Amino acid sequence: ETTIKALEYGAVEIIQKPTSGTKEFIEDSAILICDAIKAAASAKLKQVSAKPFVAGPKLSADAVIANQASRAMAQTTEKVVVVGASTGGTEALKMFLQSMPHDSPGIVIVQHMPEKFTASFAKHLDEVCSVTVKEAQDNDTVIRGRALIAPGNRHILLKRSGARYYVEIKDGPLVSRHRPSVDVLFRSAAVYAGKNSVGVIMTGMGDDGARGMLEMKQAGAFNFAQDEESCVVFGMPKEAIKHGAVDEVIPLKSIAMAVLKRC
């Protein structure tokens, strides 16, 4: 039913996802995919009478966590690093985390990835990094030498109870068109860590993280942005810079050392 409806709405061809690992099947699939793309490029598409899809309103972090005065209390010697990345971020995060020592400050990460992919991504990073890397679970403690990655399709928030920082994993609407959202993580860092946090925004399309990073800076955090030359897509860092949320713009290879010095 979905296939027929897609064709009614203007799809040119239906391509079945390859399920067999045989060489011949993959080669045949490559031919079919190329032919379908060429056909789509030259197709004369009919007008569709149905109402066009209209995206809902672009929600801010208000949909998940209220914007309130920082509860960070006094500045401490223990820092928390929060990181946001999207397109091109998997390799950027790999380079960043591989440069971190085994006793680095606690790190919480949002990488825009689909559900179930983040667990495999975290496992791969854990195998190649000195720090422990894991897909975050609700109530995980943020501790030195550990990086927590938000699970796909769930928001992650940094929280504080006394001297203990931990994460909350929760459902909620798309924020800045994403779930998990960098804006949600960064706002929670502004509220619960304030000047005890260091923010990093990396390569990615769109503006997720820009507003949350500004709130972090206003709460006393120090923020870094990956520079344009080392970004796959200079979207998210550019927007954070435009918002006045960034204290220093540096190449990807220099971010880890700069974060450690700031911590």
Protein backbone atom coordinates (compact mmCIF):
# COMPACT_ATOMS: atom_id res chain seq x y z
CA GLU A 1 0.00 0.00 0.00
CA THR A 2 2.83 2.40 0.82
CA THR A 3 4.51 1.66 -2.51
CA ILE A 4 1.37 2.33 -4.52
CA LYS A 5 0.69 5.53 -2.58
CA ALA A 6 4.27 6.70 -3.19
CA LEU A 7 3.87 6.16 -6.93
CA GLU A 8 0.59 8.08 -6.84
CA TYR A 9 2.34 10.99 -5.19
CA GLY A 10 5.04 11.17 -7.84
CA ALA A 11 7.70 8.56 -7.05
CA VAL A 12 9.39 7.55 -10.32
CA GLU A 13 10.59 4.10 -9.31
CA ILE A 14 10.69 1.77 -6.33
CA ILE A 15 14.08 0.34 -5.36
CA GLN A 16 14.15 -2.65 -3.05
CA LYS A 17 16.89 -2.51 -0.45
CA PRO A 18 19.54 -5.19 -1.15
CA THR A 19 19.23 -8.04 1.36
CA SER A 20 21.68 -10.55 -0.08
CA GLY A 21 25.43 -10.29 0.24
CA THR A 22 26.29 -12.09 -2.98
CA LYS A 23 28.52 -10.27 -5.44
CA GLU A 24 26.09 -10.73 -8.31
CA PHE A 25 23.13 -9.41 -6.33
CA ILE A 26 25.01 -6.28 -5.29
CA GLU A 27 26.15 -5.67 -8.88
CA ASP A 28 22.59 -6.11 -10.17
CA SER A 29 21.31 -3.73 -7.50
CA ALA A 30 23.89 -1.13 -8.53
CA ILE A 31 22.64 -1.28 -12.11
CA LEU A 32 19.00 -0.96 -11.03
CA ILE A 33 19.76 1.97 -8.74
CA CYS A 34 21.71 3.84 -11.44
CA ASP A 35 18.97 3.21 -14.00
CA ALA A 36 16.31 4.44 -11.59
CA ILE A 37 18.25 7.65 -10.87
CA LYS A 38 18.75 8.32 -14.57
CA ALA A 39 15.05 7.73 -15.19
CA ALA A 40 14.10 10.09 -12.38
CA ALA A 41 16.41 12.78 -13.78
CA SER A 42 14.60 12.79 -17.14
CA ALA A 43 11.08 12.03 -15.91
CA LYS A 44 8.21 14.39 -16.63
CA LEU A 45 6.40 14.48 -13.34
CA LYS A 46 2.66 14.99 -13.20
CA GLN A 47 1.02 17.48 -10.89
CA VAL A 48 -0.26 15.91 -7.71
CA SER A 49 -3.68 17.10 -6.58
CA ALA A 50 -3.15 16.13 -2.95
CA LYS A 51 -2.26 18.83 -0.44
CA PRO A 52 1.50 19.32 -0.14
CA PHE A 53 3.25 18.30 3.05
CA VAL A 54 3.66 21.20 5.45
CA ALA A 55 6.20 20.80 8.21
CA GLY A 56 5.08 21.64 11.70
CA PRO A 57 6.57 24.50 13.70
CA LYS A 58 10.27 24.32 14.45
CA LEU A 59 10.39 23.75 18.19
CA SER A 60 13.03 25.11 20.54
CA ALA A 61 14.46 23.44 23.63
CA ASP A 62 11.48 24.89 25.55
CA ALA A 63 9.58 21.80 24.38
CA VAL A 64 11.83 19.57 26.53
CA ILE A 65 13.46 21.69 29.23
CA ALA A 66 12.40 25.07 30.62
CA ASN A 67 14.74 28.00 30.21
CA GLN A 68 15.55 29.02 33.76
CA ALA A 69 18.32 30.63 35.77
CA SER A 70 21.40 28.46 36.14
CA ARG A 71 21.37 26.07 39.10
CA ALA A 72 25.07 25.43 38.66
CA MET A 73 25.95 26.86 42.08
CA ALA A 74 29.60 27.66 42.72
CA GLN A 75 32.34 27.04 40.18
CA THR A 76 34.18 23.77 40.79
CA THR A 77 37.46 22.30 39.61
CA GLU A 78 35.57 19.43 37.93
CA LYS A 79 34.43 20.39 34.45
CA VAL A 80 31.91 18.74 32.13
CA VAL A 81 32.36 18.81 28.35
CA VAL A 82 29.26 18.81 26.13
CA VAL A 83 29.59 18.24 22.39
CA GLY A 84 27.19 18.56 19.45
CA ALA A 85 27.77 17.28 15.92
CA SER A 86 25.84 16.22 12.82
CA THR A 87 26.89 15.73 9.19
CA GLY A 88 30.53 14.65 9.15
CA GLY A 89 30.50 14.34 12.91
CA THR A 90 31.27 10.64 13.19
CA GLU A 91 34.84 11.09 11.97
CA ALA A 92 35.22 14.42 13.76
CA LEU A 93 34.19 12.85 17.06
CA LYS A 94 36.54 9.95 16.46
CA MET A 95 39.50 12.31 16.06
CA PHE A 96 38.42 14.36 19.09
CA LEU A 97 37.94 11.38 21.41
CA GLN A 98 41.11 9.60 20.26
CA SER A 99 43.03 12.70 21.34
CA MET A 100 41.55 12.58 24.84
CA PRO A 101 43.55 10.88 27.64
CA HIS A 102 42.06 8.10 29.75
CA ASP A 103 41.41 10.53 32.62
CA SER A 104 39.82 13.29 30.57
CA PRO A 105 36.88 15.29 31.97
CA GLY A 106 33.45 13.68 31.64
CA ILE A 107 31.97 14.15 28.17
CA VAL A 108 28.35 14.11 26.95
CA ILE A 109 27.72 13.99 23.20
CA VAL A 110 24.84 14.48 20.80
CA GLN A 111 25.55 13.14 17.31
CA HIS A 112 22.58 13.19 14.96
CA MET A 113 22.13 9.50 14.12
CA PRO A 114 19.13 7.19 13.69
CA GLU A 115 17.92 4.89 16.43
CA LYS A 116 20.07 1.76 16.99
CA PHE A 117 23.06 3.21 15.10
CA THR A 118 24.42 5.05 18.14
CA ALA A 119 25.10 1.86 20.12
CA SER A 120 27.31 0.48 17.34
CA PHE A 121 28.98 3.86 16.91
CA ALA A 122 29.76 4.08 20.63
CA LYS A 123 31.10 0.52 20.67
CA HIS A 124 33.43 1.27 17.75
CA LEU A 125 34.76 4.41 19.45
CA ASP A 126 35.25 2.54 22.70
CA GLU A 127 37.53 0.09 20.90
CA VAL A 128 39.78 2.79 19.43
CA CYS A 129 39.87 5.43 22.20
CA SER A 130 41.61 5.67 25.58
CA VAL A 131 38.44 7.02 27.17
CA THR A 132 35.47 4.72 27.76
CA VAL A 133 32.71 5.43 25.26
CA LYS A 134 29.16 4.12 25.64
CA GLU A 135 25.63 4.81 24.49
CA ALA A 136 24.11 6.71 27.37
CA GLN A 137 21.47 5.17 29.60
CA ASP A 138 19.16 7.05 31.92
CA ASN A 139 20.89 8.08 35.17
CA ASP A 140 24.42 7.29 33.92
CA THR A 141 26.97 9.27 35.96
CA VAL A 142 29.21 11.70 34.09
CA ILE A 143 32.68 10.82 35.33
CA ARG A 144 36.28 11.37 34.30
CA GLY A 145 37.48 9.12 31.51
CA ARG A 146 34.00 8.43 30.12
CA ALA A 147 32.12 9.78 27.09
CA LEU A 148 28.36 9.27 26.90
CA ILE A 149 26.64 9.40 23.50
CA ALA A 150 22.93 10.20 23.30
CA PRO A 151 20.89 7.25 22.01
CA GLY A 152 19.28 7.76 18.62
CA ASN A 153 15.73 9.13 18.73
CA ARG A 154 16.00 10.14 22.44
CA HIS A 155 16.93 13.46 23.99
CA ILE A 156 19.76 13.63 26.52
CA LEU A 157 19.98 16.17 29.35
CA LEU A 158 22.81 16.89 31.76
CA LYS A 159 21.61 17.03 35.36
CA ARG A 160 23.27 17.64 38.74
CA SER A 161 22.58 16.28 42.20
CA GLY A 162 24.98 17.71 44.76
CA ALA A 163 28.46 17.16 43.34
CA ARG A 164 27.29 14.41 40.99
CA TYR A 165 26.58 15.06 37.33
CA TYR A 166 24.43 12.53 35.51
CA VAL A 167 22.31 12.28 32.37
CA GLU A 168 18.58 11.96 31.85
CA ILE A 169 17.31 10.19 28.73
CA LYS A 170 13.82 11.20 27.71
CA ASP A 171 11.35 11.25 24.85
CA GLY A 172 9.89 14.42 23.45
CA PRO A 173 9.21 16.24 20.20
CA LEU A 174 11.82 17.10 17.60
CA VAL A 175 13.77 20.16 18.73
CA SER A 176 15.44 22.23 16.01
CA ARG A 177 14.24 19.37 13.74
CA HIS A 178 16.23 16.77 15.68
CA ARG A 179 15.91 14.13 18.37
CA PRO A 180 18.37 13.98 20.06
CA SER A 181 18.88 17.72 19.89
CA VAL A 182 22.09 19.59 20.64
CA ASP A 183 20.02 22.55 21.84
CA VAL A 184 18.44 20.38 24.54
CA LEU A 185 21.81 19.11 25.79
CA PHE A 186 23.39 22.57 25.71
CA ARG A 187 20.48 24.20 27.55
CA SER A 188 20.65 21.56 30.28
CA ALA A 189 24.38 22.26 30.58
CA ALA A 190 23.62 25.97 30.97
CA VAL A 191 21.05 25.26 33.68
CA TYR A 192 22.84 22.59 35.67
CA ALA A 193 26.55 23.18 35.01
CA GLY A 194 26.93 26.79 33.91
CA LYS A 195 30.52 27.96 34.33
CA ASN A 196 31.54 24.37 35.15
CA SER A 197 30.88 23.34 31.54
CA VAL A 198 32.80 23.59 28.28
CA GLY A 199 30.87 23.47 25.00
CA VAL A 200 32.01 22.18 21.62
CA ILE A 201 30.03 22.45 18.39
CA MET A 202 31.26 20.52 15.37
CA THR A 203 30.53 19.98 11.71
CA GLY A 204 26.86 19.69 10.75
CA MET A 205 24.02 21.11 8.69
CA GLY A 206 21.42 23.44 10.16
CA ASP A 207 21.41 25.47 13.37
CA ASP A 208 20.83 22.90 16.12
CA GLY A 209 22.94 23.90 19.11
CA ALA A 210 23.38 27.59 18.34
CA ARG A 211 20.77 28.87 20.80
CA GLY A 212 21.70 26.38 23.50
CA MET A 213 25.36 27.31 23.20
CA LEU A 214 24.51 30.99 23.62
CA GLU A 215 22.65 30.10 26.82
CA MET A 216 25.74 28.22 27.99
CA LYS A 217 27.94 31.27 27.37
CA GLN A 218 25.49 33.51 29.20
CA ALA A 219 25.68 31.07 32.14
CA GLY A 220 29.48 31.36 32.23
CA ALA A 221 30.63 28.43 30.07
CA PHE A 222 33.52 28.62 27.60
CA ASN A 223 32.64 27.44 24.08
CA PHE A 224 34.60 26.19 21.08
CA ALA A 225 33.52 25.84 17.44
CA GLN A 226 35.17 23.79 14.73
CA ASP A 227 36.55 26.02 11.97
CA GLU A 228 35.17 26.07 8.42
CA GLU A 229 38.23 24.52 6.78
CA SER A 230 38.07 21.33 8.83
CA CYS A 231 34.25 20.99 8.71
CA VAL A 232 32.45 18.70 6.27
CA VAL A 233 29.50 21.12 6.55
CA PHE A 234 30.06 24.51 8.18
CA GLY A 235 26.43 24.95 9.22
CA MET A 236 26.03 24.40 12.95
CA PRO A 237 29.35 26.07 13.91
CA LYS A 238 28.57 29.00 11.62
CA GLU A 239 25.16 29.56 13.23
CA ALA A 240 26.63 29.37 16.73
CA ILE A 241 29.24 31.96 15.74
CA LYS A 242 26.51 34.20 14.25
CA HIS A 243 24.60 34.00 17.54
CA GLY A 244 27.68 35.22 19.43
CA ALA A 245 27.84 31.96 21.36
CA VAL A 246 31.44 30.96 20.53
CA ASP A 247 34.55 32.06 22.40
CA GLU A 248 37.12 30.42 20.11
CA VAL A 249 37.05 28.96 16.58
CA ILE A 250 39.74 26.32 16.02
CA PRO A 251 40.63 23.43 13.67
CA LEU A 252 39.34 19.98 14.51
CA LYS A 253 42.83 18.65 15.29
CA SER A 254 43.28 21.32 17.98
CA ILE A 255 39.94 20.99 19.79
CA ALA A 256 40.88 18.23 22.23
CA MET A 257 43.99 20.00 23.51
CA ALA A 258 42.16 23.31 23.77
CA VAL A 259 39.35 21.68 25.76
CA LEU A 260 41.83 20.03 28.12
CA LYS A 261 43.62 23.33 28.74
CA ARG A 262 40.32 25.07 29.42
CA CYS A 263 39.32 22.33 31.87
